[in-house]
Amino acid sequence: MYLIFDFDGTLVDSFSCVVEKFNSMANDFNVSEISREDMAELRHLSSTDLIKYLKVPLYKIPYALHLARKHLKQEMHKLTPFAGIPQLLHNLDEAGFQLGIVTSNSKENVISWLESHQIKHYFNFIHVELGYFGKGRILKKVRQVHKTGNSMYIGDETRDIVAAKQCNMASLAVTWGFNSEKILAQYNPHYIARRPEDILAIGLKHLEI
């Protein structure tokens, strides 16, 4: 069985860095910067409502993602895995799960980060493709290209849950990333993990279904 991970906010703790980079680009997109007070509130917004709140025009999102990847390149060495993630990956590998990553970050950034934390060898593939609201289409492509078969998508945002459902894939929402458990639960993921170690138990449980 394949467990397919989102990257930012699921494996790597990058929220503060992403906000910092967004603020550095705010003038370019004619939007307001995100304050410390805003950050807590944003976690309770769905992916769609977040874009409305930030007032980023939809046609500018691909360019914004491109710039974010470029800016993050300089910061990847500073970012750390969420506590428990390296041990989780080891345990999943020992249990026989196959692992992949689907992300809008750049492949160079992801590989550099995985190698710096000595966890790249756990992943069978890294699929990179821009698309803030196109993850359902991307996951369908991943299933075809990488022959993932029975699989589960693991992410920290409401759009990750929506994407998994769009391609009839099991969804697992993690609560330590961007979106709060409250808003994630409203999107009815198949599973919710509150700690990284929960993912192994959930994966094993799903195998029994």
Foldseek 3Di string as FASTA:
>chain_A
DEEEEEDAFFWWPCVVVLLVQCCVCCVVQVWHRQDPVNQVVQQADALVVNCVVRVRDPVCQLVVLVSSLVVCQVVLVVIDTDPPNQVLLVVCVVVPYAYEYEYQHDPVSVVVNCVSVVNVVSHPYYHHDDDSQCLLVVVVVCCVVVVNPQYEYEEAHCSSQVSCVSNVHQYEHEQRGRHHPVNNVVSPGVYYHDDSNVVVVVVVVVVVD
